Amino acid sequence: MAKDILLCLSGLDAAQFITRAAPHISCDRNLVLLYVIDTRPVEEIGYTARRTYSTGLSSQHAALMEAAEQQTAEAVLNAAGEQCMQEGFNPQNIRREVRRGRPEQQIISLAQDPDQNVGLVVIGSSYKRAPTIALGPASVGHVARFVVDHSPCDVLLLR
């Protein structure tokens, strides 16, 4: 039985990521589209609010942030799913998953889970938020580095 391919999505560049990954993977394989809602920003905001105002985030603000994060996750997964179909992947072979936590830990957790049957992790080298002036050779971001170092299966790193 062929192992599944885990595609690690980040930001809103999902369609471009799928287009870059597609030539390297077989269209008849099962795909897992993973988007991890990174909990670090909310934790940092809560920490700052506690230090500044002696209280954490209000439950109302936390709920608004969670709803926005969930909407972003759905938008990213929808864009990736549509692009997968345009690239010739069977929609019945595509599973979408949203997790919360540290992206690097969630990716490895899913890849290690024996119930998931992951045989290849596909990840971008780093998430680029905005164009920057190249000061040197491109590097590998901390999430990609962690995944490369700890993955129980092969990793395809896309630059």
C-alpha atoms as a PDB file:
ATOM      1  CA  MET A   1       0.000   0.000   0.000  1.00  0.00           C
ATOM      2  CA  ALA A   2       1.406   3.370  -1.030  1.00  0.00           C
ATOM      3  CA  LYS A   3       2.105   5.800   1.748  1.00  0.00           C
ATOM      4  CA  ASP A   4       0.383   9.179   1.942  1.00  0.00           C
ATOM      5  CA  ILE A   5       2.071  12.469   1.101  1.00  0.00           C
ATOM      6  CA  LEU A   6       1.839  15.203   3.720  1.00  0.00           C
ATOM      7  CA  LEU A   7       1.824  18.690   2.220  1.00  0.00           C
ATOM      8  CA  CYS A   8       2.614  21.329   4.861  1.00  0.00           C
ATOM      9  CA  LEU A   9       0.855  24.575   4.010  1.00  0.00           C
ATOM     10  CA  SER A  10       1.722  28.000   5.359  1.00  0.00           C
ATOM     11  CA  GLY A  11       0.372  31.464   4.814  1.00  0.00           C
ATOM     12  CA  LEU A  12      -1.690  32.282   1.772  1.00  0.00           C
ATOM     13  CA  ASP A  13       0.758  30.990  -0.852  1.00  0.00           C
ATOM     14  CA  ALA A  14      -0.908  27.567  -0.912  1.00  0.00           C
ATOM     15  CA  ALA A  15      -1.675  27.489  -4.644  1.00  0.00           C
ATOM     16  CA  GLN A  16       1.927  28.358  -5.566  1.00  0.00           C
ATOM     17  CA  PHE A  17       3.224  25.752  -3.129  1.00  0.00           C
ATOM     18  CA  ILE A  18       1.019  23.037  -4.681  1.00  0.00           C
ATOM     19  CA  THR A  19       2.117  24.067  -8.193  1.00  0.00           C
ATOM     20  CA  ARG A  20       5.777  23.757  -7.161  1.00  0.00           C
ATOM     21  CA  ALA A  21       5.217  20.420  -5.398  1.00  0.00           C
ATOM     22  CA  ALA A  22       3.053  18.750  -8.068  1.00  0.00           C
ATOM     23  CA  PRO A  23       5.827  17.794 -10.518  1.00  0.00           C
ATOM     24  CA  HIS A  24       7.607  15.886  -7.753  1.00  0.00           C
ATOM     25  CA  ILE A  25       4.720  13.702  -6.593  1.00  0.00           C
ATOM     26  CA  SER A  26       2.440  11.165  -8.237  1.00  0.00           C
ATOM     27  CA  CYS A  27      -1.143  12.220  -8.966  1.00  0.00           C
ATOM     28  CA  ASP A  28      -2.510   8.846  -7.840  1.00  0.00           C
ATOM     29  CA  ARG A  29      -1.205   9.165  -4.271  1.00  0.00           C
ATOM     30  CA  ASN A  30      -3.282  10.139  -1.245  1.00  0.00           C
ATOM     31  CA  LEU A  31      -2.551  13.663  -0.093  1.00  0.00           C
ATOM     32  CA  VAL A  32      -2.903  15.164   3.348  1.00  0.00           C
ATOM     33  CA  LEU A  33      -3.131  18.960   3.212  1.00  0.00           C
ATOM     34  CA  LEU A  34      -2.035  20.221   6.607  1.00  0.00           C
ATOM     35  CA  TYR A  35      -2.420  23.720   7.958  1.00  0.00           C
ATOM     36  CA  VAL A  36      -1.221  24.384  11.477  1.00  0.00           C
ATOM     37  CA  ILE A  37      -2.624  27.332  13.375  1.00  0.00           C
ATOM     38  CA  ASP A  38       0.478  28.549  15.173  1.00  0.00           C
ATOM     39  CA  THR A  39      -0.342  29.196  18.827  1.00  0.00           C
ATOM     40  CA  ARG A  40       2.773  31.280  19.478  1.00  0.00           C
ATOM     41  CA  PRO A  41       1.338  34.669  18.421  1.00  0.00           C
ATOM     42  CA  VAL A  42      -1.697  34.356  20.703  1.00  0.00           C
ATOM     43  CA  GLU A  43       0.508  33.184  23.568  1.00  0.00           C
ATOM     44  CA  GLU A  44       2.809  36.166  23.061  1.00  0.00           C
ATOM     45  CA  ILE A  45      -0.102  38.625  22.925  1.00  0.00           C
ATOM     46  CA  GLY A  46      -1.520  37.122  26.106  1.00  0.00           C
ATOM     47  CA  TYR A  47       1.855  37.354  27.804  1.00  0.00           C
ATOM     48  CA  THR A  48       2.239  40.998  26.765  1.00  0.00           C
ATOM     49  CA  ALA A  49      -1.303  41.812  27.932  1.00  0.00           C
ATOM     50  CA  ARG A  50      -0.641  40.197  31.323  1.00  0.00           C
ATOM     51  CA  ARG A  51       2.594  42.142  31.755  1.00  0.00           C
ATOM     52  CA  THR A  52       1.104  45.435  30.581  1.00  0.00           C
ATOM     53  CA  TYR A  53      -2.425  45.295  31.981  1.00  0.00           C
ATOM     54  CA  SER A  54      -2.142  42.548  34.629  1.00  0.00           C
ATOM     55  CA  THR A  55      -4.812  40.573  32.755  1.00  0.00           C
ATOM     56  CA  GLY A  56      -4.626  38.241  29.821  1.00  0.00           C
ATOM     57  CA  LEU A  57      -6.700  38.356  26.665  1.00  0.00           C
ATOM     58  CA  SER A  58     -10.401  38.676  27.278  1.00  0.00           C
ATOM     59  CA  SER A  59     -12.468  35.666  26.255  1.00  0.00           C
ATOM     60  CA  GLN A  60     -14.136  37.850  23.618  1.00  0.00           C
ATOM     61  CA  HIS A  61     -10.801  38.835  22.042  1.00  0.00           C
ATOM     62  CA  ALA A  62      -9.547  35.266  22.218  1.00  0.00           C
ATOM     63  CA  ALA A  63     -12.707  34.032  20.465  1.00  0.00           C
ATOM     64  CA  LEU A  64     -12.337  36.657  17.729  1.00  0.00           C
ATOM     65  CA  MET A  65      -8.714  35.662  17.159  1.00  0.00           C
ATOM     66  CA  GLU A  66      -9.611  31.978  17.054  1.00  0.00           C
ATOM     67  CA  ALA A  67     -12.374  32.622  14.515  1.00  0.00           C
ATOM     68  CA  ALA A  68      -9.993  34.633  12.313  1.00  0.00           C
ATOM     69  CA  GLU A  69      -7.359  31.896  12.520  1.00  0.00           C
ATOM     70  CA  GLN A  70      -9.943  29.260  11.564  1.00  0.00           C
ATOM     71  CA  GLN A  71     -11.092  31.353   8.586  1.00  0.00           C
ATOM     72  CA  THR A  72      -7.491  31.688   7.433  1.00  0.00           C
ATOM     73  CA  ALA A  73      -6.982  27.935   7.759  1.00  0.00           C
ATOM     74  CA  GLU A  74     -10.089  27.235   5.674  1.00  0.00           C
ATOM     75  CA  ALA A  75      -9.031  29.743   2.999  1.00  0.00           C
ATOM     76  CA  VAL A  76      -5.563  28.207   2.749  1.00  0.00           C
ATOM     77  CA  LEU A  77      -6.946  24.655   2.582  1.00  0.00           C
ATOM     78  CA  ASN A  78      -9.537  25.654  -0.029  1.00  0.00           C
ATOM     79  CA  ALA A  79      -6.903  27.308  -2.226  1.00  0.00           C
ATOM     80  CA  ALA A  80      -4.632  24.275  -1.908  1.00  0.00           C
ATOM     81  CA  GLY A  81      -7.461  21.845  -2.623  1.00  0.00           C
ATOM     82  CA  GLU A  82      -8.517  23.731  -5.739  1.00  0.00           C
ATOM     83  CA  GLN A  83      -4.945  23.860  -6.992  1.00  0.00           C
ATOM     84  CA  CYS A  84      -4.503  20.123  -6.346  1.00  0.00           C
ATOM     85  CA  MET A  85      -7.484  19.407  -8.579  1.00  0.00           C
ATOM     86  CA  GLN A  86      -6.104  21.727 -11.278  1.00  0.00           C
ATOM     87  CA  GLU A  87      -2.832  19.805 -11.088  1.00  0.00           C
ATOM     88  CA  GLY A  88      -4.708  16.542 -11.762  1.00  0.00           C
ATOM     89  CA  PHE A  89      -5.033  15.068  -8.276  1.00  0.00           C
ATOM     90  CA  ASN A  90      -8.197  13.111  -7.526  1.00  0.00           C
ATOM     91  CA  PRO A  91     -10.328  15.050  -4.993  1.00  0.00           C
ATOM     92  CA  GLN A  92     -11.259  11.742  -3.340  1.00  0.00           C
ATOM     93  CA  ASN A  93      -7.570  11.222  -2.520  1.00  0.00           C
ATOM     94  CA  ILE A  94      -7.222  14.579  -0.756  1.00  0.00           C
ATOM     95  CA  ARG A  95      -7.717  14.928   2.982  1.00  0.00           C
ATOM     96  CA  ARG A  96      -7.596  18.292   4.732  1.00  0.00           C
ATOM     97  CA  GLU A  97      -6.432  18.720   8.291  1.00  0.00           C
ATOM     98  CA  VAL A  98      -6.157  21.698  10.634  1.00  0.00           C
ATOM     99  CA  ARG A  99      -4.130  21.441  13.826  1.00  0.00           C
ATOM    100  CA  ARG A 100      -3.278  23.941  16.542  1.00  0.00           C
ATOM    101  CA  GLY A 101       0.113  24.291  18.185  1.00  0.00           C
ATOM    102  CA  ARG A 102       3.710  24.726  17.135  1.00  0.00           C
ATOM    103  CA  PRO A 103       3.866  23.958  13.394  1.00  0.00           C
ATOM    104  CA  GLU A 104       7.099  21.961  13.579  1.00  0.00           C
ATOM    105  CA  GLN A 105       5.795  19.776  16.397  1.00  0.00           C
ATOM    106  CA  GLN A 106       2.397  19.215  14.781  1.00  0.00           C
ATOM    107  CA  ILE A 107       3.980  18.207  11.457  1.00  0.00           C
ATOM    108  CA  ILE A 108       6.259  15.669  13.132  1.00  0.00           C
ATOM    109  CA  SER A 109       3.414  14.392  15.322  1.00  0.00           C
ATOM    110  CA  LEU A 110       1.262  13.715  12.270  1.00  0.00           C
ATOM    111  CA  ALA A 111       4.160  12.154  10.330  1.00  0.00           C
ATOM    112  CA  GLN A 112       4.976   9.831  13.259  1.00  0.00           C
ATOM    113  CA  ASP A 113       1.374   8.750  13.851  1.00  0.00           C
ATOM    114  CA  PRO A 114       1.118   5.115  12.649  1.00  0.00           C
ATOM    115  CA  ASP A 115      -2.582   5.623  11.861  1.00  0.00           C
ATOM    116  CA  GLN A 116      -1.729   8.356   9.334  1.00  0.00           C
ATOM    117  CA  ASN A 117       0.459   6.270   6.959  1.00  0.00           C
ATOM    118  CA  VAL A 118       2.694   9.222   5.939  1.00  0.00           C
ATOM    119  CA  GLY A 119       5.616   8.293   3.698  1.00  0.00           C
ATOM    120  CA  LEU A 120       6.717  11.731   2.487  1.00  0.00           C
ATOM    121  CA  VAL A 121       6.560  15.211   4.003  1.00  0.00           C
ATOM    122  CA  VAL A 122       6.628  18.116   1.545  1.00  0.00           C
ATOM    123  CA  ILE A 123       7.502  21.472   3.081  1.00  0.00           C
ATOM    124  CA  GLY A 124       8.707  24.875   1.930  1.00  0.00           C
ATOM    125  CA  SER A 125      12.136  26.017   3.043  1.00  0.00           C
ATOM    126  CA  SER A 126      10.680  29.031   4.837  1.00  0.00           C
ATOM    127  CA  TYR A 127       7.627  31.259   4.901  1.00  0.00           C
ATOM    128  CA  LYS A 128       8.344  34.604   3.297  1.00  0.00           C
ATOM    129  CA  ARG A 129       6.036  37.322   4.553  1.00  0.00           C
ATOM    130  CA  ALA A 130       7.233  40.131   2.310  1.00  0.00           C
ATOM    131  CA  PRO A 131       9.881  40.697  -0.321  1.00  0.00           C
ATOM    132  CA  THR A 132      13.262  41.346   1.220  1.00  0.00           C
ATOM    133  CA  ILE A 133      16.652  42.339  -0.071  1.00  0.00           C
ATOM    134  CA  ALA A 134      18.841  39.268  -0.408  1.00  0.00           C
ATOM    135  CA  LEU A 135      21.714  39.666   2.018  1.00  0.00           C
ATOM    136  CA  GLY A 136      23.133  36.253   1.339  1.00  0.00           C
ATOM    137  CA  PRO A 137      22.157  32.762   0.294  1.00  0.00           C
ATOM    138  CA  ALA A 138      18.658  31.594   1.085  1.00  0.00           C
ATOM    139  CA  SER A 139      18.422  29.696   4.322  1.00  0.00           C
ATOM    140  CA  VAL A 140      16.094  27.122   5.757  1.00  0.00           C
ATOM    141  CA  GLY A 141      13.554  28.353   8.288  1.00  0.00           C
ATOM    142  CA  HIS A 142      13.290  26.884  11.768  1.00  0.00           C
ATOM    143  CA  VAL A 143      10.142  24.856  11.008  1.00  0.00           C
ATOM    144  CA  ALA A 144      11.655  23.257   7.910  1.00  0.00           C
ATOM    145  CA  ARG A 145      14.924  22.585   9.722  1.00  0.00           C
ATOM    146  CA  PHE A 146      13.101  20.905  12.617  1.00  0.00           C
ATOM    147  CA  VAL A 147      11.071  18.753  10.207  1.00  0.00           C
ATOM    148  CA  VAL A 148      14.177  17.730   8.242  1.00  0.00           C
ATOM    149  CA  ASP A 149      15.978  16.859  11.485  1.00  0.00           C
ATOM    150  CA  HIS A 150      13.128  14.931  13.146  1.00  0.00           C
ATOM    151  CA  SER A 151      10.953  13.426  10.407  1.00  0.00           C
ATOM    152  CA  PRO A 152      10.502   9.664  10.549  1.00  0.00           C
ATOM    153  CA  CYS A 153      10.123   9.571   6.749  1.00  0.00           C
ATOM    154  CA  ASP A 154      11.532  11.259   3.658  1.00  0.00           C
ATOM    155  CA  VAL A 155      11.208  15.033   3.358  1.00  0.00           C
ATOM    156  CA  LEU A 156      10.953  17.020   0.144  1.00  0.00           C
ATOM    157  CA  LEU A 157      12.136  20.551   0.841  1.00  0.00           C
ATOM    158  CA  LEU A 158      10.983  23.116  -1.715  1.00  0.00           C
ATOM    159  CA  ARG A 159      12.859  26.408  -2.042  1.00  0.00           C
END
